[in-house]
Amino acid sequence: MSGSNLILGNMLADFAATTGIPVSMIWDATGLINAIDLGLQAGDVISGTTMKRDGEFFADVGSAIPASDINQPILNQGPAPIA
């Protein structure tokens, strides 16, 4: 994983009765960058290493496997490759 492909996101999370917990996540954006280079369009879906267009395989974008795909349905947050 290259340091130039990382994206930092900060948010406040709520866990049960505890609210406003600061959370920072670092995403490996390699797959997203590759998808943009391949002509990513509105409606395209990136899941794992696959980019789908109109529900069909379009390209392998070489991204990390999302933690949420491994643990679904427990962590149903959608693709989120965590570095």
Protein backbone atom coordinates (compact mmCIF):
# COMPACT_ATOMS: atom_id res chain seq x y z
CA MET A 1 0.00 0.00 0.00
CA SER A 2 1.43 3.32 -1.05
CA GLY A 3 1.27 6.37 1.21
CA SER A 4 0.03 8.44 -1.73
CA ASN A 5 -3.21 6.40 -1.97
CA LEU A 6 -4.49 7.00 1.56
CA ILE A 7 -7.51 9.11 2.55
CA LEU A 8 -8.17 10.22 6.14
CA GLY A 9 -11.74 10.62 7.32
CA ASN A 10 -12.86 12.01 10.69
CA MET A 11 -16.34 11.65 12.15
CA LEU A 12 -18.29 11.50 15.38
CA ALA A 13 -19.84 8.12 16.18
CA ASP A 14 -22.58 7.00 18.55
CA PHE A 15 -22.29 3.65 20.32
CA ALA A 16 -25.46 2.77 22.24
CA ALA A 17 -25.92 5.50 24.89
CA THR A 18 -22.43 6.96 24.38
CA THR A 19 -22.51 9.72 21.77
CA GLY A 20 -20.05 12.02 20.03
CA ILE A 21 -17.04 9.69 20.08
CA PRO A 22 -14.35 11.00 17.70
CA VAL A 23 -13.28 8.36 15.18
CA SER A 24 -10.56 8.66 12.53
CA MET A 25 -10.39 6.12 9.71
CA ILE A 26 -7.69 5.74 7.09
CA TRP A 27 -8.90 4.27 3.79
CA ASP A 28 -6.77 2.69 1.09
CA ALA A 29 -8.06 4.58 -1.95
CA THR A 30 -6.14 2.53 -4.56
CA GLY A 31 -9.33 0.92 -5.91
CA LEU A 32 -11.15 4.25 -6.08
CA ILE A 33 -8.25 5.93 -7.89
CA ASN A 34 -8.02 3.00 -10.35
CA ALA A 35 -11.80 3.15 -10.91
CA ILE A 36 -11.61 6.89 -11.67
CA ASP A 37 -8.83 6.18 -14.17
CA LEU A 38 -11.08 3.53 -15.80
CA GLY A 39 -13.92 6.03 -16.23
CA LEU A 40 -15.99 5.65 -13.03
CA GLN A 41 -19.56 6.82 -13.64
CA ALA A 42 -22.57 7.59 -11.43
CA GLY A 43 -24.24 4.29 -10.55
CA ASP A 44 -21.07 2.17 -10.77
CA VAL A 45 -20.44 -0.06 -7.75
CA ILE A 46 -17.02 -0.95 -6.30
CA SER A 47 -17.01 -3.98 -4.01
CA GLY A 48 -13.79 -5.74 -3.10
CA THR A 49 -11.67 -5.69 -6.24
CA THR A 50 -14.62 -5.58 -8.65
CA MET A 51 -16.20 -2.58 -10.35
CA LYS A 52 -19.70 -3.28 -11.68
CA ARG A 53 -21.65 -1.26 -14.19
CA ASP A 54 -25.37 -1.95 -14.69
CA GLY A 55 -25.00 -4.94 -12.34
CA GLU A 56 -22.37 -6.63 -14.52
CA PHE A 57 -18.61 -7.03 -14.02
CA PHE A 58 -16.84 -4.07 -15.64
CA ALA A 59 -13.26 -4.11 -14.33
CA ASP A 60 -10.88 -5.31 -11.64
CA VAL A 61 -9.79 -2.15 -9.84
CA GLY A 62 -7.17 -3.81 -7.62
CA SER A 63 -8.53 -2.53 -4.33
CA ALA A 64 -8.26 -4.00 -0.87
CA ILE A 65 -10.99 -6.36 0.29
CA PRO A 66 -13.42 -4.30 2.38
CA ALA A 67 -13.65 -5.28 6.03
CA SER A 68 -17.41 -4.81 5.77
CA ASP A 69 -17.66 -7.41 2.98
CA ILE A 70 -15.87 -9.97 5.16
CA ASN A 71 -18.12 -9.44 8.20
CA GLN A 72 -21.52 -8.80 6.61
CA PRO A 73 -24.25 -8.57 7.67
CA ILE A 74 -22.75 -7.63 11.06
CA LEU A 75 -20.89 -4.54 9.77
CA ASN A 76 -23.25 -3.46 7.01
CA GLN A 77 -21.44 -0.20 6.21
CA GLY A 78 -20.65 -0.93 2.56
CA PRO A 79 -17.17 -1.18 1.05
CA ALA A 80 -14.61 0.48 3.32
CA PRO A 81 -11.05 -0.79 2.89
CA ILE A 82 -9.34 0.14 6.13
CA ALA A 83 -5.59 0.64 6.06
